[in-house]
Amino acid sequence: MKTIKRISVLLLACMLTSLCWAQEKTTDNKSLYKAFEMSVSEGLNLQATAKVGIKPVYGIFSVGTQFLAENYKWAFGAGVGTHLMKTEDHSMNLEYMIFHVNENEIWTDNYNNFQQVRLLYSKRLGEKISIFGGPSFNLNIAENKESFGHTFESTFAPYDMYSHVGDSHTAKGWIGFTLGIRFDK
């Protein structure tokens, strides 16, 4: 429980810092894109994301938690995204993310990888705030062989539509949905 509180405080601090950062006005470079997001999904129940780059392509840095599951899990990751369509009031983004997932401990030594492709539609509500949502295609690949003195079995996937168990890795895939709020401009 102490770990949950620490990560929650970290997420809140990241959110406040990034909110201020995303609302700074840039007068010297109009093609710079930066944004901060808070989102929810079935994979990572709460996620804080910072995006920075140029208008067509941007980098993504994210941290999230799966606190609604029976056992506590958290993940951090990076990715890349692009604007498929961008107008003053609407946008459509395609993003690819890859995360390292930690389960029931501060750091999971075993290979526990979560990959996600998201197609997000957003609607601007104000000058610097938007809401967004869209489908996600998810894949969790985890090491299932004995290493570091124990056998690791990931329980990160909330459900699976695809499952494969190999000699050393397990893969589970599912389709999900992401909803969130974005601070940008």
C-alpha atoms as a PDB file:
ATOM      1  CA  MET A   1       0.000   0.000   0.000  1.00  0.00           C
ATOM      2  CA  LYS A   2       2.925   2.314   0.720  1.00  0.00           C
ATOM      3  CA  THR A   3       4.187   1.799  -2.836  1.00  0.00           C
ATOM      4  CA  ILE A   4       0.759   2.652  -4.257  1.00  0.00           C
ATOM      5  CA  LYS A   5       0.769   5.941  -2.339  1.00  0.00           C
ATOM      6  CA  ARG A   6       4.293   6.810  -3.515  1.00  0.00           C
ATOM      7  CA  ILE A   7       3.481   6.147  -7.167  1.00  0.00           C
ATOM      8  CA  SER A   8       0.203   8.077  -6.840  1.00  0.00           C
ATOM      9  CA  VAL A   9       2.102  11.072  -5.475  1.00  0.00           C
ATOM     10  CA  LEU A  10       4.634  10.733  -8.304  1.00  0.00           C
ATOM     11  CA  LEU A  11       1.831  10.659 -10.903  1.00  0.00           C
ATOM     12  CA  LEU A  12       0.215  13.738  -9.333  1.00  0.00           C
ATOM     13  CA  ALA A  13       3.544  15.623  -9.289  1.00  0.00           C
ATOM     14  CA  CYS A  14       4.181  14.673 -12.933  1.00  0.00           C
ATOM     15  CA  MET A  15       0.693  15.809 -13.855  1.00  0.00           C
ATOM     16  CA  LEU A  16       1.039  19.239 -12.215  1.00  0.00           C
ATOM     17  CA  THR A  17       4.544  19.844 -13.564  1.00  0.00           C
ATOM     18  CA  SER A  18       3.618  18.769 -17.070  1.00  0.00           C
ATOM     19  CA  LEU A  19       0.384  20.762 -17.030  1.00  0.00           C
ATOM     20  CA  CYS A  20       2.376  23.946 -16.408  1.00  0.00           C
ATOM     21  CA  TRP A  21       4.955  22.878 -19.022  1.00  0.00           C
ATOM     22  CA  ALA A  22       2.296  22.134 -21.664  1.00  0.00           C
ATOM     23  CA  GLN A  23       0.649  25.531 -21.180  1.00  0.00           C
ATOM     24  CA  GLU A  24       3.812  27.571 -21.734  1.00  0.00           C
ATOM     25  CA  LYS A  25       3.618  29.630 -24.893  1.00  0.00           C
ATOM     26  CA  THR A  26       6.338  29.091 -27.459  1.00  0.00           C
ATOM     27  CA  THR A  27       6.867  32.131 -29.631  1.00  0.00           C
ATOM     28  CA  ASP A  28      10.116  31.099 -31.299  1.00  0.00           C
ATOM     29  CA  ASN A  29       9.057  27.767 -32.841  1.00  0.00           C
ATOM     30  CA  LYS A  30       5.488  27.321 -34.056  1.00  0.00           C
ATOM     31  CA  SER A  31       6.069  23.762 -35.359  1.00  0.00           C
ATOM     32  CA  LEU A  32       6.930  22.396 -31.875  1.00  0.00           C
ATOM     33  CA  TYR A  33       4.308  20.042 -30.454  1.00  0.00           C
ATOM     34  CA  LYS A  34       4.119  19.357 -26.732  1.00  0.00           C
ATOM     35  CA  ALA A  35       1.286  17.969 -24.689  1.00  0.00           C
ATOM     36  CA  PHE A  36       0.469  16.304 -21.398  1.00  0.00           C
ATOM     37  CA  GLU A  37      -2.269  13.673 -21.014  1.00  0.00           C
ATOM     38  CA  MET A  38      -4.063  11.783 -18.288  1.00  0.00           C
ATOM     39  CA  SER A  39      -5.915   8.697 -19.533  1.00  0.00           C
ATOM     40  CA  VAL A  40      -7.697   5.535 -18.458  1.00  0.00           C
ATOM     41  CA  SER A  41      -7.909   2.145 -20.160  1.00  0.00           C
ATOM     42  CA  GLU A  42      -8.334  -1.522 -19.349  1.00  0.00           C
ATOM     43  CA  GLY A  43      -4.567  -2.169 -19.571  1.00  0.00           C
ATOM     44  CA  LEU A  44      -3.234   0.767 -17.564  1.00  0.00           C
ATOM     45  CA  ASN A  45      -6.134   2.014 -15.453  1.00  0.00           C
ATOM     46  CA  LEU A  46      -4.420   5.379 -14.906  1.00  0.00           C
ATOM     47  CA  GLN A  47      -1.697   6.760 -17.158  1.00  0.00           C
ATOM     48  CA  ALA A  48       0.238  10.055 -17.313  1.00  0.00           C
ATOM     49  CA  THR A  49       1.876  10.850 -20.651  1.00  0.00           C
ATOM     50  CA  ALA A  50       4.145  13.625 -21.942  1.00  0.00           C
ATOM     51  CA  LYS A  51       4.524  14.204 -25.687  1.00  0.00           C
ATOM     52  CA  VAL A  52       7.109  16.363 -27.408  1.00  0.00           C
ATOM     53  CA  GLY A  53       8.286  16.736 -30.977  1.00  0.00           C
ATOM     54  CA  ILE A  54       7.470  18.484 -34.207  1.00  0.00           C
ATOM     55  CA  LYS A  55       3.917  18.645 -35.564  1.00  0.00           C
ATOM     56  CA  PRO A  56       4.019  15.564 -37.866  1.00  0.00           C
ATOM     57  CA  VAL A  57       5.959  13.228 -35.508  1.00  0.00           C
ATOM     58  CA  TYR A  58       6.435  13.301 -31.745  1.00  0.00           C
ATOM     59  CA  GLY A  59       7.993  11.241 -28.969  1.00  0.00           C
ATOM     60  CA  ILE A  60       5.949   9.854 -26.093  1.00  0.00           C
ATOM     61  CA  PHE A  61       7.020   9.191 -22.487  1.00  0.00           C
ATOM     62  CA  SER A  62       4.530   7.557 -20.151  1.00  0.00           C
ATOM     63  CA  VAL A  63       4.010   6.022 -16.714  1.00  0.00           C
ATOM     64  CA  GLY A  64       0.910   4.162 -15.629  1.00  0.00           C
ATOM     65  CA  THR A  65      -0.613   1.810 -13.116  1.00  0.00           C
ATOM     66  CA  GLN A  66      -3.082  -1.055 -13.102  1.00  0.00           C
ATOM     67  CA  PHE A  67      -4.507  -0.550  -9.630  1.00  0.00           C
ATOM     68  CA  LEU A  68      -7.933  -2.105 -10.314  1.00  0.00           C
ATOM     69  CA  ALA A  69      -6.466  -5.612 -10.660  1.00  0.00           C
ATOM     70  CA  GLU A  70      -6.093  -8.031  -7.775  1.00  0.00           C
ATOM     71  CA  ASN A  71      -2.313  -7.491  -7.618  1.00  0.00           C
ATOM     72  CA  TYR A  72      -0.645  -4.104  -8.059  1.00  0.00           C
ATOM     73  CA  LYS A  73       1.178  -3.425 -11.348  1.00  0.00           C
ATOM     74  CA  TRP A  74       2.881  -0.349 -12.815  1.00  0.00           C
ATOM     75  CA  ALA A  75       4.642   0.355 -16.091  1.00  0.00           C
ATOM     76  CA  PHE A  76       6.781   2.971 -17.784  1.00  0.00           C
ATOM     77  CA  GLY A  77       7.444   3.331 -21.447  1.00  0.00           C
ATOM     78  CA  ALA A  78       8.191   5.347 -24.527  1.00  0.00           C
ATOM     79  CA  GLY A  79       6.853   5.531 -28.027  1.00  0.00           C
ATOM     80  CA  VAL A  80       6.259   7.521 -31.156  1.00  0.00           C
ATOM     81  CA  GLY A  81       3.149   9.135 -32.610  1.00  0.00           C
ATOM     82  CA  THR A  82       1.931  11.080 -35.605  1.00  0.00           C
ATOM     83  CA  HIS A  83      -0.981  13.341 -36.488  1.00  0.00           C
ATOM     84  CA  LEU A  84      -3.012  11.656 -39.229  1.00  0.00           C
ATOM     85  CA  MET A  85      -5.343  14.643 -39.282  1.00  0.00           C
ATOM     86  CA  LYS A  86      -5.140  17.919 -37.388  1.00  0.00           C
ATOM     87  CA  THR A  87      -7.505  20.879 -37.550  1.00  0.00           C
ATOM     88  CA  GLU A  88      -8.187  23.644 -35.053  1.00  0.00           C
ATOM     89  CA  ASP A  89     -10.945  21.638 -33.277  1.00  0.00           C
ATOM     90  CA  HIS A  90     -10.241  17.963 -34.113  1.00  0.00           C
ATOM     91  CA  SER A  91      -7.297  15.631 -34.527  1.00  0.00           C
ATOM     92  CA  MET A  92      -6.610  11.962 -35.237  1.00  0.00           C
ATOM     93  CA  ASN A  93      -3.394  10.447 -33.901  1.00  0.00           C
ATOM     94  CA  LEU A  94      -1.726   7.080 -34.484  1.00  0.00           C
ATOM     95  CA  GLU A  95       0.663   6.028 -31.689  1.00  0.00           C
ATOM     96  CA  TYR A  96       2.923   3.088 -30.859  1.00  0.00           C
ATOM     97  CA  MET A  97       4.024   2.538 -27.259  1.00  0.00           C
ATOM     98  CA  ILE A  98       6.254  -0.034 -25.573  1.00  0.00           C
ATOM     99  CA  PHE A  99       6.320  -0.465 -21.768  1.00  0.00           C
ATOM    100  CA  HIS A 100       8.240  -2.417 -19.158  1.00  0.00           C
ATOM    101  CA  VAL A 101       5.679  -3.826 -16.699  1.00  0.00           C
ATOM    102  CA  ASN A 102       6.461  -4.328 -13.014  1.00  0.00           C
ATOM    103  CA  GLU A 103       4.198  -6.689 -11.071  1.00  0.00           C
ATOM    104  CA  ASN A 104       3.814  -6.963  -7.275  1.00  0.00           C
ATOM    105  CA  GLU A 105       7.171  -5.259  -6.661  1.00  0.00           C
ATOM    106  CA  ILE A 106       9.038  -2.036  -7.350  1.00  0.00           C
ATOM    107  CA  TRP A 107      11.033  -3.595 -10.192  1.00  0.00           C
ATOM    108  CA  THR A 108      10.393  -6.850 -12.064  1.00  0.00           C
ATOM    109  CA  ASP A 109      13.688  -8.333 -13.272  1.00  0.00           C
ATOM    110  CA  ASN A 110      12.025 -10.678 -15.752  1.00  0.00           C
ATOM    111  CA  TYR A 111      11.209  -9.609 -19.291  1.00  0.00           C
ATOM    112  CA  ASN A 112       7.633  -8.300 -19.092  1.00  0.00           C
ATOM    113  CA  ASN A 113       6.798  -6.197 -22.142  1.00  0.00           C
ATOM    114  CA  PHE A 114       3.538  -4.429 -23.007  1.00  0.00           C
ATOM    115  CA  GLN A 115       3.132  -3.043 -26.538  1.00  0.00           C
ATOM    116  CA  GLN A 116       0.254  -0.890 -27.683  1.00  0.00           C
ATOM    117  CA  VAL A 117      -0.955   0.666 -30.948  1.00  0.00           C
ATOM    118  CA  ARG A 118      -3.582   3.375 -30.433  1.00  0.00           C
ATOM    119  CA  LEU A 119      -5.789   5.287 -32.861  1.00  0.00           C
ATOM    120  CA  LEU A 120      -7.031   8.356 -30.980  1.00  0.00           C
ATOM    121  CA  TYR A 121      -9.607  10.940 -31.992  1.00  0.00           C
ATOM    122  CA  SER A 122      -9.596  14.193 -30.011  1.00  0.00           C
ATOM    123  CA  LYS A 123     -12.018  17.086 -29.737  1.00  0.00           C
ATOM    124  CA  ARG A 124     -10.843  20.474 -28.483  1.00  0.00           C
ATOM    125  CA  LEU A 125     -12.912  21.865 -25.590  1.00  0.00           C
ATOM    126  CA  GLY A 126     -10.959  25.077 -25.032  1.00  0.00           C
ATOM    127  CA  GLU A 127      -7.800  26.838 -26.089  1.00  0.00           C
ATOM    128  CA  LYS A 128      -5.491  24.370 -24.312  1.00  0.00           C
ATOM    129  CA  ILE A 129      -7.648  21.381 -23.385  1.00  0.00           C
ATOM    130  CA  SER A 130      -9.023  18.440 -25.386  1.00  0.00           C
ATOM    131  CA  ILE A 131     -10.696  15.130 -24.691  1.00  0.00           C
ATOM    132  CA  PHE A 132      -9.688  12.039 -26.639  1.00  0.00           C
ATOM    133  CA  GLY A 133     -10.542   8.405 -27.069  1.00  0.00           C
ATOM    134  CA  GLY A 134     -10.099   5.484 -29.367  1.00  0.00           C
ATOM    135  CA  PRO A 135      -9.330   1.799 -29.777  1.00  0.00           C
ATOM    136  CA  SER A 136      -6.047   0.188 -28.804  1.00  0.00           C
ATOM    137  CA  PHE A 137      -4.461  -3.038 -29.951  1.00  0.00           C
ATOM    138  CA  ASN A 138      -2.429  -4.561 -27.110  1.00  0.00           C
ATOM    139  CA  LEU A 139       0.172  -7.294 -26.728  1.00  0.00           C
ATOM    140  CA  ASN A 140       1.819  -8.486 -23.502  1.00  0.00           C
ATOM    141  CA  ILE A 141       4.940 -10.631 -23.946  1.00  0.00           C
ATOM    142  CA  ALA A 142       6.406 -12.045 -20.742  1.00  0.00           C
ATOM    143  CA  GLU A 143       9.206 -14.414 -19.876  1.00  0.00           C
ATOM    144  CA  ASN A 144       7.797 -17.642 -18.431  1.00  0.00           C
ATOM    145  CA  LYS A 145      10.974 -19.630 -17.809  1.00  0.00           C
ATOM    146  CA  GLU A 146      12.760 -19.960 -14.511  1.00  0.00           C
ATOM    147  CA  SER A 147      15.184 -17.116 -13.907  1.00  0.00           C
ATOM    148  CA  PHE A 148      16.442 -15.253 -10.866  1.00  0.00           C
ATOM    149  CA  GLY A 149      15.457 -18.231  -8.700  1.00  0.00           C
ATOM    150  CA  HIS A 150      11.737 -18.345  -9.550  1.00  0.00           C
ATOM    151  CA  THR A 151       9.309 -18.934 -12.406  1.00  0.00           C
ATOM    152  CA  PHE A 152       7.593 -15.738 -13.539  1.00  0.00           C
ATOM    153  CA  GLU A 153       4.022 -15.679 -14.878  1.00  0.00           C
ATOM    154  CA  SER A 154       2.620 -12.287 -15.885  1.00  0.00           C
ATOM    155  CA  THR A 155      -0.962 -11.449 -14.927  1.00  0.00           C
ATOM    156  CA  PHE A 156      -0.940  -8.043 -16.646  1.00  0.00           C
ATOM    157  CA  ALA A 157      -3.361  -8.800 -19.519  1.00  0.00           C
ATOM    158  CA  PRO A 158      -6.904  -8.035 -18.274  1.00  0.00           C
ATOM    159  CA  TYR A 159      -8.245 -10.633 -20.733  1.00  0.00           C
ATOM    160  CA  ASP A 160      -6.956 -12.167 -23.941  1.00  0.00           C
ATOM    161  CA  MET A 161      -8.273 -12.624 -27.457  1.00  0.00           C
ATOM    162  CA  TYR A 162      -4.975 -14.176 -28.543  1.00  0.00           C
ATOM    163  CA  SER A 163      -2.735 -16.367 -26.409  1.00  0.00           C
ATOM    164  CA  HIS A 164       0.433 -18.293 -27.160  1.00  0.00           C
ATOM    165  CA  VAL A 165       2.652 -20.123 -24.675  1.00  0.00           C
ATOM    166  CA  GLY A 166       6.146 -20.894 -25.926  1.00  0.00           C
ATOM    167  CA  ASP A 167       9.160 -22.526 -24.309  1.00  0.00           C
ATOM    168  CA  SER A 168      10.422 -19.298 -22.762  1.00  0.00           C
ATOM    169  CA  HIS A 169       7.759 -16.615 -23.369  1.00  0.00           C
ATOM    170  CA  THR A 170       4.000 -16.148 -23.149  1.00  0.00           C
ATOM    171  CA  ALA A 171       2.136 -13.726 -25.434  1.00  0.00           C
ATOM    172  CA  LYS A 172      -1.389 -12.418 -24.827  1.00  0.00           C
ATOM    173  CA  GLY A 173      -3.201  -9.982 -27.096  1.00  0.00           C
ATOM    174  CA  TRP A 174      -6.444  -8.031 -26.721  1.00  0.00           C
ATOM    175  CA  ILE A 175      -8.345  -5.057 -28.095  1.00  0.00           C
ATOM    176  CA  GLY A 176      -9.079  -2.220 -25.700  1.00  0.00           C
ATOM    177  CA  PHE A 177     -10.150   1.388 -25.498  1.00  0.00           C
ATOM    178  CA  THR A 178      -8.478   4.537 -24.159  1.00  0.00           C
ATOM    179  CA  LEU A 179     -10.174   7.713 -22.870  1.00  0.00           C
ATOM    180  CA  GLY A 180      -8.424  10.819 -21.592  1.00  0.00           C
ATOM    181  CA  ILE A 181      -7.854  14.526 -21.299  1.00  0.00           C
ATOM    182  CA  ARG A 182      -5.043  16.388 -23.079  1.00  0.00           C
ATOM    183  CA  PHE A 183      -3.401  19.730 -22.280  1.00  0.00           C
ATOM    184  CA  ASP A 184      -1.590  21.109 -25.310  1.00  0.00           C
ATOM    185  CA  LYS A 185      -1.223  23.988 -27.790  1.00  0.00           C
END
